[in-house]
N, C-alpha and C. Protein backbone atom coordinates (compact mmCIF):
# COMPACT_ATOMS: atom_id res chain seq x y z
N MET A 1 65.22 94.29 96.69
CA MET A 1 65.56 95.30 95.76
C MET A 1 67.05 95.34 95.40
N TYR A 2 67.86 95.04 96.38
CA TYR A 2 69.31 94.92 96.13
C TYR A 2 69.62 93.80 95.13
N ALA A 3 68.92 92.75 95.25
CA ALA A 3 69.15 91.57 94.35
C ALA A 3 68.83 91.95 92.92
N VAL A 4 67.74 92.68 92.73
CA VAL A 4 67.37 93.15 91.39
C VAL A 4 68.42 94.11 90.82
N ALA A 5 68.89 95.01 91.69
CA ALA A 5 69.97 95.87 91.24
C ALA A 5 71.28 95.07 90.87
N GLY A 6 71.56 94.10 91.65
CA GLY A 6 72.73 93.28 91.45
C GLY A 6 72.67 92.52 90.12
N VAL A 7 71.55 91.96 89.83
CA VAL A 7 71.25 91.19 88.61
C VAL A 7 71.31 92.21 87.42
N GLY A 8 70.76 93.34 87.61
CA GLY A 8 70.73 94.38 86.54
C GLY A 8 72.21 94.79 86.16
N VAL A 9 73.00 95.05 87.17
CA VAL A 9 74.39 95.41 87.02
C VAL A 9 75.18 94.32 86.36
N ALA A 10 74.89 93.04 86.81
CA ALA A 10 75.58 91.93 86.16
C ALA A 10 75.27 91.78 84.64
N ALA A 11 73.94 91.95 84.32
CA ALA A 11 73.58 91.85 82.96
C ALA A 11 74.21 93.09 82.17
N LEU A 12 74.25 94.20 82.74
CA LEU A 12 74.79 95.35 82.07
C LEU A 12 76.31 95.09 81.78
N LEU A 13 77.05 94.46 82.73
CA LEU A 13 78.52 94.24 82.54
C LEU A 13 78.66 93.18 81.43
N ILE A 14 77.74 92.22 81.34
CA ILE A 14 77.95 91.14 80.36
C ILE A 14 77.51 91.59 78.97
N LEU A 15 76.45 92.41 78.90
CA LEU A 15 75.87 92.73 77.52
C LEU A 15 76.40 93.99 76.96
N TRP A 16 76.90 94.89 77.82
CA TRP A 16 77.34 96.25 77.28
C TRP A 16 78.82 96.37 77.33
N SER A 17 79.43 96.65 76.18
CA SER A 17 80.87 96.59 76.14
C SER A 17 81.45 97.94 76.44
N LEU A 18 80.73 98.94 76.68
CA LEU A 18 81.27 100.26 77.01
C LEU A 18 81.86 100.29 78.43
N ARG A 19 82.87 101.14 78.60
CA ARG A 19 83.45 101.24 79.90
C ARG A 19 82.50 101.81 80.97
N LEU A 20 81.46 102.53 80.54
CA LEU A 20 80.60 103.15 81.47
C LEU A 20 79.74 101.98 82.23
N ALA A 21 79.73 100.79 81.71
CA ALA A 21 79.08 99.72 82.39
C ALA A 21 79.71 99.33 83.73
N ILE A 22 81.01 99.74 83.93
CA ILE A 22 81.72 99.45 85.10
C ILE A 22 81.30 100.37 86.21
N LEU A 23 80.85 101.54 85.95
CA LEU A 23 80.47 102.52 86.96
C LEU A 23 79.33 102.11 87.81
N PRO A 24 78.19 101.49 87.35
CA PRO A 24 77.17 101.01 88.17
C PRO A 24 77.55 99.96 89.21
N ALA A 25 78.52 99.09 88.82
CA ALA A 25 79.08 98.11 89.76
C ALA A 25 79.81 98.78 90.90
N PHE A 26 80.59 99.79 90.59
CA PHE A 26 81.33 100.54 91.55
C PHE A 26 80.37 101.28 92.51
N PHE A 27 79.37 102.01 91.92
CA PHE A 27 78.47 102.80 92.75
C PHE A 27 77.57 101.81 93.65
N LEU A 28 77.21 100.71 93.12
CA LEU A 28 76.36 99.78 93.90
C LEU A 28 77.18 99.30 95.11
N ALA A 29 78.42 98.97 94.92
CA ALA A 29 79.27 98.46 96.00
C ALA A 29 79.58 99.53 96.99
N VAL A 30 79.83 100.80 96.53
CA VAL A 30 80.07 101.90 97.50
C VAL A 30 78.83 102.23 98.27
N SER A 31 77.64 102.28 97.52
CA SER A 31 76.45 102.61 98.25
C SER A 31 76.04 101.60 99.29
N THR A 32 76.37 100.33 99.08
CA THR A 32 76.13 99.29 99.99
C THR A 32 77.03 99.48 101.21
N LEU A 33 78.31 99.81 101.01
CA LEU A 33 79.15 100.04 102.13
C LEU A 33 78.72 101.29 102.96
N VAL A 34 78.23 102.33 102.30
CA VAL A 34 77.75 103.50 103.05
C VAL A 34 76.50 103.09 103.83
N ALA A 35 75.55 102.37 103.26
CA ALA A 35 74.39 101.95 104.00
C ALA A 35 74.76 101.06 105.15
N PHE A 36 75.75 100.17 104.99
CA PHE A 36 76.23 99.35 106.07
C PHE A 36 76.71 100.16 107.22
N GLY A 37 77.50 101.12 106.89
CA GLY A 37 78.01 102.07 107.97
C GLY A 37 76.97 102.84 108.66
N LEU A 38 76.04 103.30 107.82
CA LEU A 38 74.92 104.15 108.44
C LEU A 38 73.97 103.27 109.40
N SER A 39 73.87 102.02 108.96
CA SER A 39 72.97 101.13 109.79
C SER A 39 73.59 100.82 111.11
N ARG A 40 74.88 101.11 111.35
CA ARG A 40 75.53 100.84 112.59
C ARG A 40 75.57 102.12 113.44
N GLY A 41 75.06 103.22 112.97
CA GLY A 41 74.99 104.51 113.66
C GLY A 41 73.86 104.60 114.69
N GLU A 42 73.81 105.70 115.37
CA GLU A 42 72.75 105.89 116.37
C GLU A 42 71.38 105.89 115.82
N GLU A 43 71.22 106.61 114.68
CA GLU A 43 69.85 106.69 114.09
C GLU A 43 69.59 105.65 113.16
N GLY A 44 70.54 104.94 112.68
CA GLY A 44 70.38 103.84 111.72
C GLY A 44 70.20 104.35 110.29
N PHE A 45 69.78 103.50 109.50
CA PHE A 45 69.50 103.74 108.05
C PHE A 45 68.04 103.51 107.80
N PHE A 46 67.29 104.57 107.68
CA PHE A 46 65.87 104.45 107.52
C PHE A 46 65.21 103.70 108.66
N GLY A 47 65.69 103.94 109.83
CA GLY A 47 65.15 103.28 111.00
C GLY A 47 65.71 101.93 111.31
N PHE A 48 66.52 101.37 110.44
CA PHE A 48 67.09 100.00 110.55
C PHE A 48 68.46 100.16 111.24
N THR A 49 68.66 99.55 112.43
CA THR A 49 69.95 99.64 113.12
C THR A 49 70.45 98.19 113.37
N GLU A 50 71.78 98.09 113.36
CA GLU A 50 72.46 96.91 113.82
C GLU A 50 73.62 97.29 114.63
N ARG A 51 74.22 96.34 115.39
CA ARG A 51 75.36 96.60 116.19
C ARG A 51 76.45 95.68 115.88
N GLY A 52 77.66 96.20 115.78
CA GLY A 52 78.86 95.37 115.60
C GLY A 52 78.90 94.67 114.23
N TRP A 53 79.40 93.42 114.30
CA TRP A 53 79.51 92.62 113.05
C TRP A 53 78.43 91.53 112.98
N SER A 54 77.28 91.80 113.66
CA SER A 54 76.25 90.78 113.64
C SER A 54 75.35 91.11 112.37
N PRO A 55 74.88 90.12 111.65
CA PRO A 55 75.03 88.74 111.90
C PRO A 55 76.39 88.22 111.38
N ALA A 56 77.05 87.55 112.28
CA ALA A 56 78.43 87.01 111.88
C ALA A 56 78.23 85.68 111.32
N PRO A 57 78.98 85.24 110.33
CA PRO A 57 80.06 85.98 109.67
C PRO A 57 79.55 86.74 108.44
N TRP A 58 78.31 86.81 108.19
CA TRP A 58 77.85 87.33 106.95
C TRP A 58 78.13 88.84 106.80
N ALA A 59 78.08 89.63 107.86
CA ALA A 59 78.36 91.00 107.82
C ALA A 59 79.77 91.26 107.34
N GLY A 60 80.75 90.56 107.96
CA GLY A 60 82.11 90.69 107.48
C GLY A 60 82.35 90.24 106.10
N ALA A 61 81.65 89.13 105.70
CA ALA A 61 81.85 88.67 104.30
C ALA A 61 81.20 89.70 103.36
N SER A 62 80.15 90.25 103.68
CA SER A 62 79.54 91.26 102.82
C SER A 62 80.46 92.51 102.62
N VAL A 63 81.01 93.01 103.76
CA VAL A 63 81.88 94.13 103.64
C VAL A 63 83.11 93.82 102.77
N PHE A 64 83.71 92.59 103.03
CA PHE A 64 84.87 92.21 102.18
C PHE A 64 84.53 92.17 100.71
N MET A 65 83.39 91.51 100.41
CA MET A 65 82.99 91.40 98.98
C MET A 65 82.70 92.77 98.31
N GLU A 66 82.09 93.67 99.13
CA GLU A 66 81.85 94.96 98.53
C GLU A 66 83.09 95.85 98.27
N ILE A 67 84.00 95.71 99.25
CA ILE A 67 85.29 96.38 99.04
C ILE A 67 86.08 95.78 97.83
N ALA A 68 86.00 94.46 97.72
CA ALA A 68 86.61 93.74 96.57
C ALA A 68 85.99 94.16 95.30
N THR A 69 84.68 94.31 95.29
CA THR A 69 83.97 94.71 94.05
C THR A 69 84.35 96.11 93.68
N ALA A 70 84.38 97.02 94.63
CA ALA A 70 84.79 98.41 94.36
C ALA A 70 86.23 98.56 93.83
N ALA A 71 87.11 97.75 94.46
CA ALA A 71 88.51 97.75 94.04
C ALA A 71 88.67 97.18 92.62
N LEU A 72 87.98 96.13 92.29
CA LEU A 72 88.06 95.56 91.01
C LEU A 72 87.47 96.47 89.94
N ALA A 73 86.35 97.08 90.22
CA ALA A 73 85.73 98.04 89.32
C ALA A 73 86.61 99.24 89.04
N THR A 74 87.33 99.68 90.10
CA THR A 74 88.30 100.77 89.93
C THR A 74 89.46 100.37 89.06
N ALA A 75 89.97 99.13 89.29
CA ALA A 75 91.11 98.64 88.48
C ALA A 75 90.61 98.44 87.00
N ALA A 76 89.44 97.97 86.82
CA ALA A 76 88.92 97.70 85.45
C ALA A 76 88.76 99.07 84.71
N LEU A 77 88.21 100.05 85.40
CA LEU A 77 88.10 101.39 84.81
C LEU A 77 89.40 101.99 84.53
N ALA A 78 90.37 101.91 85.47
CA ALA A 78 91.69 102.41 85.21
C ALA A 78 92.34 101.72 83.99
N SER A 79 92.18 100.44 83.86
CA SER A 79 92.69 99.71 82.74
C SER A 79 92.13 100.20 81.40
N GLU A 80 90.85 100.46 81.42
CA GLU A 80 90.17 100.99 80.26
C GLU A 80 90.71 102.35 79.86
N VAL A 81 90.86 103.22 80.82
CA VAL A 81 91.35 104.57 80.61
C VAL A 81 92.79 104.47 80.10
N ARG A 82 93.60 103.60 80.72
CA ARG A 82 94.96 103.50 80.29
C ARG A 82 95.09 102.99 78.83
N ALA A 83 94.11 102.07 78.46
CA ALA A 83 94.12 101.50 77.13
C ALA A 83 93.80 102.54 76.06
N ASP A 84 93.05 103.56 76.46
CA ASP A 84 92.72 104.60 75.57
C ASP A 84 93.94 105.43 75.19
N HIS A 85 94.99 105.48 76.08
CA HIS A 85 96.16 106.30 75.88
C HIS A 85 97.31 105.51 75.28
N THR A 86 97.09 104.19 74.99
CA THR A 86 98.09 103.42 74.35
C THR A 86 97.99 103.47 72.87
N PRO A 87 99.06 103.70 72.13
CA PRO A 87 98.94 103.74 70.71
C PRO A 87 98.30 102.48 70.10
N THR A 88 97.49 102.71 69.02
CA THR A 88 96.74 101.54 68.46
C THR A 88 97.67 100.43 68.06
N ALA A 89 98.76 100.72 67.51
CA ALA A 89 99.70 99.63 67.06
C ALA A 89 100.17 98.74 68.23
N LEU A 90 100.26 99.33 69.47
CA LEU A 90 100.71 98.52 70.57
C LEU A 90 99.56 97.68 71.17
N ARG A 91 98.31 98.08 70.83
CA ARG A 91 97.20 97.26 71.32
C ARG A 91 96.89 96.08 70.43
N SER A 92 97.36 96.10 69.22
CA SER A 92 97.04 95.01 68.26
C SER A 92 97.95 93.81 68.56
N ASN A 93 97.37 92.68 68.46
CA ASN A 93 98.18 91.47 68.64
C ASN A 93 99.02 91.12 67.40
N GLU A 94 98.75 91.74 66.32
CA GLU A 94 99.38 91.44 65.08
C GLU A 94 100.56 92.45 64.75
N TRP A 95 100.84 93.29 65.70
CA TRP A 95 101.83 94.29 65.43
C TRP A 95 103.18 93.63 65.44
N SER A 96 104.02 94.08 64.42
CA SER A 96 105.40 93.72 64.42
C SER A 96 106.24 94.90 64.04
N PRO A 97 107.50 94.84 64.39
CA PRO A 97 108.34 96.04 64.00
C PRO A 97 108.54 96.14 62.54
N PRO A 98 108.74 97.38 62.07
CA PRO A 98 108.94 97.58 60.58
C PRO A 98 110.21 96.82 60.15
N PRO A 99 110.22 96.38 58.85
CA PRO A 99 111.40 95.69 58.37
C PRO A 99 112.57 96.62 58.32
N PRO A 100 113.79 96.11 58.42
CA PRO A 100 114.98 96.98 58.42
C PRO A 100 115.17 97.44 57.02
N THR A 101 115.71 98.66 56.92
CA THR A 101 115.94 99.27 55.61
C THR A 101 117.31 99.21 55.12
C-alpha cells in the first residue's frame, strides 16, 4: 500500500504544477515517521512491533530518507510561498532597469 501511495505522490508532483502537490509528499513522509515511532512502542502499530533499529541498516536509511523528504518538501513549499510575495518584475528573467531619464 505504501508503494502505491509513493507512486501516486510522485506522479502528482510530476504532473501537477500547483504548490498543493507538495503537501502529500510532506504528509506521507511525516506519517511514515509517526508509524515508525509507534511500531517501536509497547503496543506497536496495529499489532506490529519492532525493537531498536532492526532491520539494520534499512530502518536507519528509511528514517533518514523520510526526514530528508519532509525537509525538502518544507523547503519547496516555503520557496513557493516566498515566490508569491516577490514582485512580478523581479521573478521575470527578462527584467531590466528602466532607462535613465
